[in-house]
Amino acid sequence: IDGWQLKKSGSWKRKHTRFFNRVLKMIEQEKTNVFYL
């Protein structure tokens, strides 16, 4: 997530949420271990 740009001129779109939806599906359906650094 680019917090710097979101504070200035960035915008959060549906496609950005879909990325996290995909990650959540990997956790729930595929039992993937996710590490966010």
Full PDB file with SEQRES, HELIX, SHEET, SSBOND, CRYST1, ORIGX, SCALE, CONECT and MASTER records, all heavy atoms in Angstrom:
SEQRES   1 A   37  ILE ASP GLY TRP GLN LEU LYS LYS SER GLY SER TRP LYS          
SEQRES   2 A   37  ARG LYS HIS THR ARG PHE PHE ASN ARG VAL LEU LYS MET          
SEQRES   3 A   37  ILE GLU GLN GLU LYS THR ASN VAL PHE TYR LEU                  
HELIX    1 AA1 GLY A    3  LYS A    7  1                                   5    
HELIX    2 AA2 ARG A   14  GLU A   30  1                                  17    
CRYST1    1.000    1.000    1.000  90.00  90.00  90.00 P 1           1          
ORIGX1      1.000000  0.000000  0.000000        0.00000                         
ORIGX2      0.000000  1.000000  0.000000        0.00000                         
ORIGX3      0.000000  0.000000  1.000000        0.00000                         
SCALE1      1.000000  0.000000  0.000000        0.00000                         
SCALE2      0.000000  1.000000  0.000000        0.00000                         
SCALE3      0.000000  0.000000  1.000000        0.00000                         
ATOM      1  N   ILE A   1       0.862  -1.181   0.000  1.00  0.00           N  
ATOM      2  CA  ILE A   1       0.000   0.000   0.000  1.00  0.00           C  
ATOM      3  C   ILE A   1       0.899   1.231   0.000  1.00  0.00           C  
ATOM      4  O   ILE A   1       1.848   1.308   0.776  1.00  0.00           O  
ATOM      5  CB  ILE A   1      -0.927   0.022   1.224  1.00  0.00           C  
ATOM      6  CG1 ILE A   1      -1.843  -1.206   1.238  1.00  0.00           C  
ATOM      7  CG2 ILE A   1      -1.757   1.310   1.261  1.00  0.00           C  
ATOM      8  CD1 ILE A   1      -2.676  -1.337   2.498  1.00  0.00           C  
ATOM      9  N   ASP A   2       0.603   2.196  -0.852  1.00  0.00           N  
ATOM     10  CA  ASP A   2       1.406   3.420  -0.912  1.00  0.00           C  
ATOM     11  C   ASP A   2       0.744   4.519  -0.074  1.00  0.00           C  
ATOM     12  O   ASP A   2      -0.034   5.329  -0.576  1.00  0.00           O  
ATOM     13  CB  ASP A   2       1.573   3.888  -2.359  1.00  0.00           C  
ATOM     14  CG  ASP A   2       2.712   4.885  -2.521  1.00  0.00           C  
ATOM     15  OD1 ASP A   2       2.872   5.733  -1.618  1.00  0.00           O  
ATOM     16  OD2 ASP A   2       3.437   4.812  -3.530  1.00  0.00           O  
ATOM     17  N   GLY A   3       1.066   4.530   1.216  1.00  0.00           N  
ATOM     18  CA  GLY A   3       0.503   5.525   2.116  1.00  0.00           C  
ATOM     19  C   GLY A   3       0.930   6.939   1.782  1.00  0.00           C  
ATOM     20  O   GLY A   3       0.172   7.893   2.003  1.00  0.00           O  
ATOM     21  N   TRP A   4       2.133   7.102   1.233  1.00  0.00           N  
ATOM     22  CA  TRP A   4       2.626   8.443   0.874  1.00  0.00           C  
ATOM     23  C   TRP A   4       1.721   9.074  -0.173  1.00  0.00           C  
ATOM     24  O   TRP A   4       1.320  10.235  -0.045  1.00  0.00           O  
ATOM     25  CB  TRP A   4       4.054   8.363   0.346  1.00  0.00           C  
ATOM     26  CG  TRP A   4       5.086   7.993   1.359  1.00  0.00           C  
ATOM     27  CD1 TRP A   4       4.873   7.515   2.619  1.00  0.00           C  
ATOM     28  CD2 TRP A   4       6.501   8.057   1.196  1.00  0.00           C  
ATOM     29  NE1 TRP A   4       6.064   7.263   3.243  1.00  0.00           N  
ATOM     30  CE2 TRP A   4       7.087   7.591   2.398  1.00  0.00           C  
ATOM     31  CE3 TRP A   4       7.335   8.441   0.139  1.00  0.00           C  
ATOM     32  CZ2 TRP A   4       8.466   7.522   2.577  1.00  0.00           C  
ATOM     33  CZ3 TRP A   4       8.708   8.370   0.327  1.00  0.00           C  
ATOM     34  CH2 TRP A   4       9.280   7.926   1.523  1.00  0.00           C  
ATOM     35  N   GLN A   5       1.402   8.303  -1.225  1.00  0.00           N  
ATOM     36  CA  GLN A   5       0.574   8.839  -2.303  1.00  0.00           C  
ATOM     37  C   GLN A   5      -0.884   9.021  -1.871  1.00  0.00           C  
ATOM     38  O   GLN A   5      -1.548   9.962  -2.292  1.00  0.00           O  
ATOM     39  CB  GLN A   5       0.636   7.927  -3.527  1.00  0.00           C  
ATOM     40  CG  GLN A   5       1.921   8.038  -4.322  1.00  0.00           C  
ATOM     41  CD  GLN A   5       2.081   9.398  -4.976  1.00  0.00           C  
ATOM     42  OE1 GLN A   5       1.148   9.950  -5.518  1.00  0.00           O  
ATOM     43  NE2 GLN A   5       3.286   9.940  -4.913  1.00  0.00           N  
ATOM     44  N   LEU A   6      -1.380   8.120  -1.027  1.00  0.00           N  
ATOM     45  CA  LEU A   6      -2.754   8.229  -0.565  1.00  0.00           C  
ATOM     46  C   LEU A   6      -2.975   9.495   0.266  1.00  0.00           C  
ATOM     47  O   LEU A   6      -4.070  10.064   0.282  1.00  0.00           O  
ATOM     48  CB  LEU A   6      -3.144   6.990   0.245  1.00  0.00           C  
ATOM     49  CG  LEU A   6      -3.408   5.719  -0.575  1.00  0.00           C  
ATOM     50  CD1 LEU A   6      -3.589   4.521   0.335  1.00  0.00           C  
ATOM     51  CD2 LEU A   6      -4.633   5.901  -1.466  1.00  0.00           C  
ATOM     52  N   LYS A   7      -1.924   9.944   0.951  1.00  0.00           N  
ATOM     53  CA  LYS A   7      -2.019  11.184   1.723  1.00  0.00           C  
ATOM     54  C   LYS A   7      -2.031  12.409   0.815  1.00  0.00           C  
ATOM     55  O   LYS A   7      -2.499  13.473   1.213  1.00  0.00           O  
ATOM     56  CB  LYS A   7      -0.832  11.293   2.693  1.00  0.00           C  
ATOM     57  CG  LYS A   7      -0.914  10.356   3.889  1.00  0.00           C  
ATOM     58  CD  LYS A   7       0.296  10.542   4.776  1.00  0.00           C  
ATOM     59  CE  LYS A   7       0.244   9.603   5.981  1.00  0.00           C  
ATOM     60  NZ  LYS A   7       1.457   9.766   6.839  1.00  0.00           N  
ATOM     61  N   LYS A   8      -1.501  12.246  -0.401  1.00  0.00           N  
ATOM     62  CA  LYS A   8      -1.397  13.387  -1.313  1.00  0.00           C  
ATOM     63  C   LYS A   8      -2.453  13.304  -2.408  1.00  0.00           C  
ATOM     64  O   LYS A   8      -3.551  13.816  -2.258  1.00  0.00           O  
ATOM     65  CB  LYS A   8       0.015  13.451  -1.910  1.00  0.00           C  
ATOM     66  CG  LYS A   8       1.100  13.698  -0.859  1.00  0.00           C  
ATOM     67  CD  LYS A   8       2.475  13.842  -1.464  1.00  0.00           C  
ATOM     68  CE  LYS A   8       2.963  12.567  -2.099  1.00  0.00           C  
ATOM     69  NZ  LYS A   8       4.350  12.683  -2.625  1.00  0.00           N  
ATOM     70  N   SER A   9      -2.125  12.675  -3.504  1.00  0.00           N  
ATOM     71  CA  SER A   9      -3.024  12.672  -4.666  1.00  0.00           C  
ATOM     72  C   SER A   9      -3.508  11.286  -5.065  1.00  0.00           C  
ATOM     73  O   SER A   9      -4.192  11.135  -6.075  1.00  0.00           O  
ATOM     74  CB  SER A   9      -2.302  13.307  -5.865  1.00  0.00           C  
ATOM     75  OG  SER A   9      -1.109  12.579  -6.167  1.00  0.00           O  
ATOM     76  N   GLY A  10      -3.162  10.279  -4.279  1.00  0.00           N  
ATOM     77  CA  GLY A  10      -3.559   8.922  -4.634  1.00  0.00           C  
ATOM     78  C   GLY A  10      -5.029   8.670  -4.353  1.00  0.00           C  
ATOM     79  O   GLY A  10      -5.712   9.470  -3.703  1.00  0.00           O  
ATOM     80  N   SER A  11      -5.548   7.560  -4.845  1.00  0.00           N  
ATOM     81  CA  SER A  11      -6.944   7.189  -4.607  1.00  0.00           C  
ATOM     82  C   SER A  11      -7.058   5.668  -4.540  1.00  0.00           C  
ATOM     83  O   SER A  11      -6.328   4.949  -5.225  1.00  0.00           O  
ATOM     84  CB  SER A  11      -7.852   7.734  -5.710  1.00  0.00           C  
ATOM     85  OG  SER A  11      -7.488   7.194  -6.970  1.00  0.00           O  
ATOM     86  N   TRP A  12      -7.959   5.207  -3.692  1.00  0.00           N  
ATOM     87  CA  TRP A  12      -8.167   3.768  -3.518  1.00  0.00           C  
ATOM     88  C   TRP A  12      -9.305   3.320  -4.431  1.00  0.00           C  
ATOM     89  O   TRP A  12     -10.411   3.851  -4.372  1.00  0.00           O  
ATOM     90  CB  TRP A  12      -8.499   3.448  -2.065  1.00  0.00           C  
ATOM     91  CG  TRP A  12      -8.434   1.988  -1.780  1.00  0.00           C  
ATOM     92  CD1 TRP A  12      -9.467   1.098  -1.784  1.00  0.00           C  
ATOM     93  CD2 TRP A  12      -7.262   1.234  -1.466  1.00  0.00           C  
ATOM     94  NE1 TRP A  12      -9.020  -0.167  -1.500  1.00  0.00           N  
ATOM     95  CE2 TRP A  12      -7.667  -0.119  -1.290  1.00  0.00           C  
ATOM     96  CE3 TRP A  12      -5.917   1.564  -1.316  1.00  0.00           C  
ATOM     97  CZ2 TRP A  12      -6.769  -1.115  -0.966  1.00  0.00           C  
ATOM     98  CZ3 TRP A  12      -5.024   0.550  -0.992  1.00  0.00           C  
ATOM     99  CH2 TRP A  12      -5.451  -0.769  -0.824  1.00  0.00           C  
ATOM    100  N   LYS A  13      -9.037   2.335  -5.276  1.00  0.00           N  
ATOM    101  CA  LYS A  13     -10.021   1.866  -6.239  1.00  0.00           C  
ATOM    102  C   LYS A  13     -10.439   0.427  -5.941  1.00  0.00           C  
ATOM    103  O   LYS A  13      -9.792  -0.276  -5.167  1.00  0.00           O  
ATOM    104  CB  LYS A  13      -9.457   1.978  -7.655  1.00  0.00           C  
ATOM    105  CG  LYS A  13      -9.123   3.423  -8.052  1.00  0.00           C  
ATOM    106  CD  LYS A  13      -8.685   3.513  -9.481  1.00  0.00           C  
ATOM    107  CE  LYS A  13      -8.334   4.947  -9.866  1.00  0.00           C  
ATOM    108  NZ  LYS A  13      -9.507   5.844  -9.759  1.00  0.00           N  
ATOM    109  N   ARG A  14     -11.508   0.012  -6.602  1.00  0.00           N  
ATOM    110  CA  ARG A  14     -12.031  -1.332  -6.383  1.00  0.00           C  
ATOM    111  C   ARG A  14     -10.990  -2.402  -6.714  1.00  0.00           C  
ATOM    112  O   ARG A  14     -10.895  -3.431  -6.037  1.00  0.00           O  
ATOM    113  CB  ARG A  14     -13.285  -1.547  -7.234  1.00  0.00           C  
ATOM    114  CG  ARG A  14     -13.985  -2.878  -6.976  1.00  0.00           C  
ATOM    115  CD  ARG A  14     -15.247  -2.994  -7.797  1.00  0.00           C  
ATOM    116  NE  ARG A  14     -16.202  -1.956  -7.430  1.00  0.00           N  
ATOM    117  CZ  ARG A  14     -17.370  -1.791  -8.057  1.00  0.00           C  
ATOM    118  NH1 ARG A  14     -17.699  -2.569  -9.075  1.00  0.00           N  
ATOM    119  NH2 ARG A  14     -18.191  -0.835  -7.670  1.00  0.00           N  
ATOM    120  N   LYS A  15     -10.197  -2.171  -7.750  1.00  0.00           N  
ATOM    121  CA  LYS A  15      -9.185  -3.160  -8.130  1.00  0.00           C  
ATOM    122  C   LYS A  15      -8.126  -3.331  -7.052  1.00  0.00           C  
ATOM    123  O   LYS A  15      -7.513  -4.398  -6.936  1.00  0.00           O  
ATOM    124  CB  LYS A  15      -8.531  -2.781  -9.458  1.00  0.00           C  
ATOM    125  CG  LYS A  15      -7.786  -1.459  -9.447  1.00  0.00           C  
ATOM    126  CD  LYS A  15      -7.207  -1.141 -10.814  1.00  0.00           C  
ATOM    127  CE  LYS A  15      -6.465   0.198 -10.830  1.00  0.00           C  
ATOM    128  NZ  LYS A  15      -5.906   0.492 -12.171  1.00  0.00           N  
ATOM    129  N   HIS A  16      -7.908  -2.299  -6.248  1.00  0.00           N  
ATOM    130  CA  HIS A  16      -6.949  -2.404  -5.156  1.00  0.00           C  
ATOM    131  C   HIS A  16      -7.504  -3.286  -4.042  1.00  0.00           C  
ATOM    132  O   HIS A  16      -6.774  -4.071  -3.437  1.00  0.00           O  
ATOM    133  CB  HIS A  16      -6.613  -1.009  -4.615  1.00  0.00           C  
ATOM    134  CG  HIS A  16      -6.007  -0.111  -5.649  1.00  0.00           C  
ATOM    135  ND1 HIS A  16      -6.129   1.259  -5.618  1.00  0.00           N  
ATOM    136  CD2 HIS A  16      -5.293  -0.394  -6.767  1.00  0.00           C  
ATOM    137  CE1 HIS A  16      -5.502   1.787  -6.658  1.00  0.00           C  
ATOM    138  NE2 HIS A  16      -4.989   0.790  -7.367  1.00  0.00           N  
ATOM    139  N   THR A  17      -8.818  -3.152  -3.802  1.00  0.00           N  
ATOM    140  CA  THR A  17      -9.466  -4.019  -2.814  1.00  0.00           C  
ATOM    141  C   THR A  17      -9.469  -5.463  -3.281  1.00  0.00           C  
ATOM    142  O   THR A  17      -9.306  -6.391  -2.488  1.00  0.00           O  
ATOM    143  CB  THR A  17     -10.916  -3.551  -2.569  1.00  0.00           C  
ATOM    144  OG1 THR A  17     -10.892  -2.200  -2.112  1.00  0.00           O  
ATOM    145  CG2 THR A  17     -11.602  -4.423  -1.517  1.00  0.00           C  
ATOM    146  N   ARG A  18      -9.631  -5.674  -4.591  1.00  0.00           N  
ATOM    147  CA  ARG A  18      -9.661  -7.036  -5.137  1.00  0.00           C  
ATOM    148  C   ARG A  18      -8.352  -7.777  -4.896  1.00  0.00           C  
ATOM    149  O   ARG A  18      -8.341  -9.001  -4.757  1.00  0.00           O  
ATOM    150  CB  ARG A  18      -9.973  -6.987  -6.633  1.00  0.00           C  
ATOM    151  CG  ARG A  18     -11.445  -6.695  -6.939  1.00  0.00           C  
ATOM    152  CD  ARG A  18     -11.668  -6.481  -8.418  1.00  0.00           C  
ATOM    153  NE  ARG A  18     -13.071  -6.191  -8.706  1.00  0.00           N  
ATOM    154  CZ  ARG A  18     -13.487  -5.613  -9.825  1.00  0.00           C  
ATOM    155  NH1 ARG A  18     -12.606  -5.293 -10.762  1.00  0.00           N  
ATOM    156  NH2 ARG A  18     -14.763  -5.374 -10.015  1.00  0.00           N  
ATOM    157  N   PHE A  19      -7.259  -7.036  -4.873  1.00  0.00           N  
ATOM    158  CA  PHE A  19      -5.975  -7.671  -4.583  1.00  0.00           C  
ATOM    159  C   PHE A  19      -6.016  -8.328  -3.205  1.00  0.00           C  
ATOM    160  O   PHE A  19      -5.624  -9.487  -3.039  1.00  0.00           O  
ATOM    161  CB  PHE A  19      -4.838  -6.652  -4.653  1.00  0.00           C  
ATOM    162  CG  PHE A  19      -3.546  -7.153  -4.062  1.00  0.00           C  
ATOM    163  CD1 PHE A  19      -2.720  -8.003  -4.777  1.00  0.00           C  
ATOM    164  CD2 PHE A  19      -3.164  -6.792  -2.782  1.00  0.00           C  
ATOM    165  CE1 PHE A  19      -1.533  -8.481  -4.237  1.00  0.00           C  
ATOM    166  CE2 PHE A  19      -1.979  -7.259  -2.226  1.00  0.00           C  
ATOM    167  CZ  PHE A  19      -1.167  -8.103  -2.953  1.00  0.00           C  
ATOM    168  N   PHE A  20      -6.499  -7.578  -2.210  1.00  0.00           N  
ATOM    169  CA  PHE A  20      -6.566  -8.133  -0.859  1.00  0.00           C  
ATOM    170  C   PHE A  20      -7.623  -9.217  -0.750  1.00  0.00           C  
ATOM    171  O   PHE A  20      -7.466 -10.169   0.025  1.00  0.00           O  
ATOM    172  CB  PHE A  20      -6.812  -7.018   0.157  1.00  0.00           C  
ATOM    173  CG  PHE A  20      -5.583  -6.221   0.473  1.00  0.00           C  
ATOM    174  CD1 PHE A  20      -5.449  -4.922   0.015  1.00  0.00           C  
ATOM    175  CD2 PHE A  20      -4.532  -6.779   1.192  1.00  0.00           C  
ATOM    176  CE1 PHE A  20      -4.304  -4.186   0.280  1.00  0.00           C  
ATOM    177  CE2 PHE A  20      -3.389  -6.054   1.463  1.00  0.00           C  
ATOM    178  CZ  PHE A  20      -3.264  -4.759   1.018  1.00  0.00           C  
ATOM    179  N   ASN A  21      -8.693  -9.113  -1.531  1.00  0.00           N  
ATOM    180  CA  ASN A  21      -9.684 -10.187  -1.552  1.00  0.00           C  
ATOM    181  C   ASN A  21      -9.053 -11.483  -2.034  1.00  0.00           C  
ATOM    182  O   ASN A  21      -9.358 -12.567  -1.530  1.00  0.00           O  
ATOM    183  CB  ASN A  21     -10.854  -9.811  -2.464  1.00  0.00           C  
ATOM    184  CG  ASN A  21     -11.749  -8.745  -1.859  1.00  0.00           C  
ATOM    185  OD1 ASN A  21     -11.743  -8.540  -0.644  1.00  0.00           O  
ATOM    186  ND2 ASN A  21     -12.523  -8.068  -2.695  1.00  0.00           N  
ATOM    187  N   ARG A  22      -8.169 -11.358  -3.040  1.00  0.00           N  
ATOM    188  CA  ARG A  22      -7.483 -12.544  -3.560  1.00  0.00           C  
ATOM    189  C   ARG A  22      -6.558 -13.146  -2.506  1.00  0.00           C  
ATOM    190  O   ARG A  22      -6.519 -14.359  -2.324  1.00  0.00           O  
ATOM    191  CB  ARG A  22      -6.681 -12.165  -4.813  1.00  0.00           C  
ATOM    192  CG  ARG A  22      -5.907 -13.321  -5.433  1.00  0.00           C  
ATOM    193  CD  ARG A  22      -6.840 -14.447  -5.834  1.00  0.00           C  
ATOM    194  NE  ARG A  22      -6.139 -15.718  -5.903  1.00  0.00           N  
ATOM    195  CZ  ARG A  22      -6.725 -16.897  -5.743  1.00  0.00           C  
ATOM    196  NH1 ARG A  22      -8.021 -16.982  -5.497  1.00  0.00           N  
ATOM    197  NH2 ARG A  22      -6.027 -18.011  -5.809  1.00  0.00           N  
ATOM    198  N   VAL A  23      -5.846 -12.284  -1.783  1.00  0.00           N  
ATOM    199  CA  VAL A  23      -4.948 -12.756  -0.726  1.00  0.00           C  
ATOM    200  C   VAL A  23      -5.742 -13.468   0.371  1.00  0.00           C  
ATOM    201  O   VAL A  23      -5.342 -14.532   0.865  1.00  0.00           O  
ATOM    202  CB  VAL A  23      -4.135 -11.587  -0.137  1.00  0.00           C  
ATOM    203  CG1 VAL A  23      -3.349 -12.049   1.098  1.00  0.00           C  
ATOM    204  CG2 VAL A  23      -3.178 -11.020  -1.186  1.00  0.00           C  
ATOM    205  N   LEU A  24      -6.889 -12.906   0.747  1.00  0.00           N  
ATOM    206  CA  LEU A  24      -7.735 -13.521   1.769  1.00  0.00           C  
ATOM    207  C   LEU A  24      -8.257 -14.893   1.312  1.00  0.00           C  
ATOM    208  O   LEU A  24      -8.346 -15.823   2.117  1.00  0.00           O  
ATOM    209  CB  LEU A  24      -8.908 -12.602   2.111  1.00  0.00           C  
ATOM    210  CG  LEU A  24      -8.550 -11.334   2.892  1.00  0.00           C  
ATOM    211  CD1 LEU A  24      -9.770 -10.438   3.039  1.00  0.00           C  
ATOM    212  CD2 LEU A  24      -7.975 -11.679   4.265  1.00  0.00           C  
ATOM    213  N   LYS A  25      -8.574 -15.016   0.027  1.00  0.00           N  
ATOM    214  CA  LYS A  25      -9.015 -16.312  -0.501  1.00  0.00           C  
ATOM    215  C   LYS A  25      -7.892 -17.335  -0.430  1.00  0.00           C  
ATOM    216  O   LYS A  25      -8.136 -18.521  -0.170  1.00  0.00           O  
ATOM    217  CB  LYS A  25      -9.496 -16.156  -1.948  1.00  0.00           C  
ATOM    218  CG  LYS A  25     -10.878 -15.533  -2.075  1.00  0.00           C  
ATOM    219  CD  LYS A  25     -11.343 -15.505  -3.517  1.00  0.00           C  
ATOM    220  CE  LYS A  25     -12.739 -14.907  -3.626  1.00  0.00           C  
ATOM    221  NZ  LYS A  25     -13.218 -14.860  -5.034  1.00  0.00           N  
ATOM    222  N   MET A  26      -6.664 -16.886  -0.673  1.00  0.00           N  
ATOM    223  CA  MET A  26      -5.522 -17.797  -0.572  1.00  0.00           C  
ATOM    224  C   MET A  26      -5.375 -18.296   0.866  1.00  0.00           C  
ATOM    225  O   MET A  26      -5.044 -19.460   1.104  1.00  0.00           O  
ATOM    226  CB  MET A  26      -4.248 -17.084  -1.021  1.00  0.00           C  
ATOM    227  CG  MET A  26      -4.211 -16.755  -2.505  1.00  0.00           C  
ATOM    228  SD  MET A  26      -2.746 -15.816  -3.001  1.00  0.00           S  
ATOM    229  CE  MET A  26      -1.469 -17.082  -2.862  1.00  0.00           C  
ATOM    230  N   ILE A  27      -5.631 -17.406   1.829  1.00  0.00           N  
ATOM    231  CA  ILE A  27      -5.551 -17.801   3.240  1.00  0.00           C  
ATOM    232  C   ILE A  27      -6.660 -18.780   3.594  1.00  0.00           C  
ATOM    233  O   ILE A  27      -6.430 -19.823   4.212  1.00  0.00           O  
ATOM    234  CB  ILE A  27      -5.621 -16.557   4.153  1.00  0.00           C  
ATOM    235  CG1 ILE A  27      -4.380 -15.682   3.975  1.00  0.00           C  
ATOM    236  CG2 ILE A  27      -5.765 -16.970   5.620  1.00  0.00           C  
ATOM    237  CD1 ILE A  27      -4.422 -14.375   4.734  1.00  0.00           C  
ATOM    238  N   GLU A  28      -7.890 -18.456   3.186  1.00  0.00           N  
ATOM    239  CA  GLU A  28      -9.057 -19.238   3.578  1.00  0.00           C  
ATOM    240  C   GLU A  28      -9.186 -20.552   2.813  1.00  0.00           C  
ATOM    241  O   GLU A  28      -9.446 -21.602   3.399  1.00  0.00           O  
ATOM    242  CB  GLU A  28     -10.321 -18.400   3.368  1.00  0.00           C  
ATOM    243  CG  GLU A  28     -10.394 -17.174   4.273  1.00  0.00           C  
ATOM    244  CD  GLU A  28     -11.540 -16.249   3.907  1.00  0.00           C  
ATOM    245  OE1 GLU A  28     -12.315 -16.595   2.974  1.00  0.00           O  
ATOM    246  OE2 GLU A  28     -11.666 -15.188   4.549  1.00  0.00           O  
ATOM    247  N   GLN A  29      -9.013 -20.493   1.492  1.00  0.00           N  
ATOM    248  CA  GLN A  29      -9.272 -21.659   0.661  1.00  0.00           C  
ATOM    249  C   GLN A  29      -8.044 -22.537   0.447  1.00  0.00           C  
ATOM    250  O   GLN A  29      -8.166 -23.756   0.323  1.00  0.00           O  
ATOM    251  CB  GLN A  29      -9.827 -21.213  -0.694  1.00  0.00           C  
ATOM    252  CG  GLN A  29     -11.151 -20.465  -0.587  1.00  0.00           C  
ATOM    253  CD  GLN A  29     -11.649 -19.958  -1.935  1.00  0.00           C  
ATOM    254  OE1 GLN A  29     -11.068 -20.243  -2.983  1.00  0.00           O  
ATOM    255  NE2 GLN A  29     -12.747 -19.211  -1.925  1.00  0.00           N  
ATOM    256  N   GLU A  30      -6.860 -21.917   0.383  1.00  0.00           N  
ATOM    257  CA  GLU A  30      -5.647 -22.675   0.092  1.00  0.00           C  
ATOM    258  C   GLU A  30      -4.733 -22.814   1.303  1.00  0.00           C  
ATOM    259  O   GLU A  30      -3.646 -23.387   1.202  1.00  0.00           O  
ATOM    260  CB  GLU A  30      -4.894 -22.004  -1.069  1.00  0.00           C  
ATOM    261  CG  GLU A  30      -5.731 -21.909  -2.336  1.00  0.00           C  
ATOM    262  CD  GLU A  30      -5.084 -21.059  -3.423  1.00  0.00           C  
ATOM    263  OE1 GLU A  30      -3.881 -20.757  -3.296  1.00  0.00           O  
ATOM    264  OE2 GLU A  30      -5.777 -20.689  -4.391  1.00  0.00           O  
ATOM    265  N   LYS A  31      -5.153 -22.246   2.443  1.00  0.00           N  
ATOM    266  CA  LYS A  31      -4.391 -22.319   3.705  1.00  0.00           C  
ATOM    267  C   LYS A  31      -2.982 -21.758   3.554  1.00  0.00           C  
ATOM    268  O   LYS A  31      -2.022 -22.245   4.154  1.00  0.00           O  
ATOM    269  CB  LYS A  31      -4.322 -23.768   4.202  1.00  0.00           C  
ATOM    270  CG  LYS A  31      -5.666 -24.462   4.300  1.00  0.00           C  
ATOM    271  CD  LYS A  31      -6.632 -23.723   5.200  1.00  0.00           C  
ATOM    272  CE  LYS A  31      -7.983 -24.405   5.264  1.00  0.00           C  
ATOM    273  NZ  LYS A  31      -8.991 -23.625   6.045  1.00  0.00           N  
ATOM    274  N   THR A  32      -2.844 -20.722   2.737  1.00  0.00           N  
ATOM    275  CA  THR A  32      -1.545 -20.074   2.523  1.00  0.00           C  
ATOM    276  C   THR A  32      -1.162 -19.245   3.736  1.00  0.00           C  
ATOM    277  O   THR A  32      -1.991 -18.541   4.312  1.00  0.00           O  
ATOM    278  CB  THR A  32      -1.604 -19.153   1.280  1.00  0.00           C  
ATOM    279  OG1 THR A  32      -2.005 -19.921   0.157  1.00  0.00           O  
ATOM    280  CG2 THR A  32      -0.248 -18.513   1.016  1.00  0.00           C  
ATOM    281  N   ASN A  33       0.100 -19.344   4.126  1.00  0.00           N  
ATOM    282  CA  ASN A  33       0.641 -18.486   5.177  1.00  0.00           C  
ATOM    283  C   ASN A  33       1.087 -17.181   4.534  1.00  0.00           C  
ATOM    284  O   ASN A  33       1.915 -17.189   3.623  1.00  0.00           O  
ATOM    285  CB  ASN A  33       1.831 -19.156   5.873  1.00  0.00           C  
ATOM    286  CG  ASN A  33       1.452 -20.463   6.538  1.00  0.00           C  
ATOM    287  OD1 ASN A  33       0.505 -20.521   7.311  1.00  0.00           O  
ATOM    288  ND2 ASN A  33       2.171 -21.526   6.210  1.00  0.00           N  
ATOM    289  N   VAL A  34       0.546 -16.056   4.993  1.00  0.00           N  
ATOM    290  CA  VAL A  34       0.855 -14.759   4.403  1.00  0.00           C  
ATOM    291  C   VAL A  34       1.647 -13.914   5.398  1.00  0.00           C  
ATOM    292  O   VAL A  34       1.238 -13.746   6.554  1.00  0.00           O  
ATOM    293  CB  VAL A  34      -0.420 -14.014   3.977  1.00  0.00           C  
ATOM    294  CG1 VAL A  34      -0.071 -12.617   3.444  1.00  0.00           C  
ATOM    295  CG2 VAL A  34      -1.177 -14.808   2.924  1.00  0.00           C  
ATOM    296  N   PHE A  35       2.773 -13.387   4.937  1.00  0.00           N  
ATOM    297  CA  PHE A  35       3.618 -12.521   5.746  1.00  0.00           C  
ATOM    298  C   PHE A  35       3.691 -11.153   5.062  1.00  0.00           C  
ATOM    299  O   PHE A  35       4.208 -11.048   3.947  1.00  0.00           O  
ATOM    300  CB  PHE A  35       5.027 -13.113   5.883  1.00  0.00           C  
ATOM    301  CG  PHE A  35       5.046 -14.504   6.452  1.00  0.00           C  
ATOM    302  CD1 PHE A  35       4.964 -15.615   5.612  1.00  0.00           C  
ATOM    303  CD2 PHE A  35       5.122 -14.710   7.815  1.00  0.00           C  
ATOM    304  CE1 PHE A  35       4.974 -16.901   6.123  1.00  0.00           C  
ATOM    305  CE2 PHE A  35       5.130 -16.002   8.342  1.00  0.00           C  
ATOM    306  CZ  PHE A  35       5.051 -17.095   7.496  1.00  0.00           C  
ATOM    307  N   TYR A  36       3.157 -10.144   5.710  1.00  0.00           N  
ATOM    308  CA  TYR A  36       3.169  -8.784   5.171  1.00  0.00           C  
ATOM    309  C   TYR A  36       4.249  -8.011   5.921  1.00  0.00           C  
ATOM    310  O   TYR A  36       4.121  -7.746   7.108  1.00  0.00           O  
ATOM    311  CB  TYR A  36       1.799  -8.143   5.357  1.00  0.00           C  
ATOM    312  CG  TYR A  36       1.604  -6.786   4.701  1.00  0.00           C  
ATOM    313  CD1 TYR A  36       0.336  -6.348   4.361  1.00  0.00           C  
ATOM    314  CD2 TYR A  36       2.667  -5.919   4.427  1.00  0.00           C  
ATOM    315  CE1 TYR A  36       0.116  -5.111   3.759  1.00  0.00           C  
ATOM    316  CE2 TYR A  36       2.467  -4.688   3.828  1.00  0.00           C  
ATOM    317  CZ  TYR A  36       1.196  -4.284   3.505  1.00  0.00           C  
ATOM    318  OH  TYR A  36       0.998  -3.048   2.925  1.00  0.00           O  
ATOM    319  N   LEU A  37       5.325  -7.660   5.199  1.00  0.00           N  
ATOM    320  CA  LEU A  37       6.433  -6.913   5.794  1.00  0.00           C  
ATOM    321  C   LEU A  37       6.307  -5.434   5.470  1.00  0.00           C  
ATOM    322  O   LEU A  37       5.970  -5.068   4.346  1.00  0.00           O  
ATOM    323  CB  LEU A  37       7.777  -7.448   5.298  1.00  0.00           C  
ATOM    324  CG  LEU A  37       8.350  -8.649   6.059  1.00  0.00           C  
ATOM    325  CD1 LEU A  37       7.379  -9.819   6.064  1.00  0.00           C  
ATOM    326  CD2 LEU A  37       9.682  -9.084   5.462  1.00  0.00           C  
TER     327      LEU A  37                                                      
MASTER        0    0    0    2    0    0    0    6  326    1    0    3          
END                                                                             
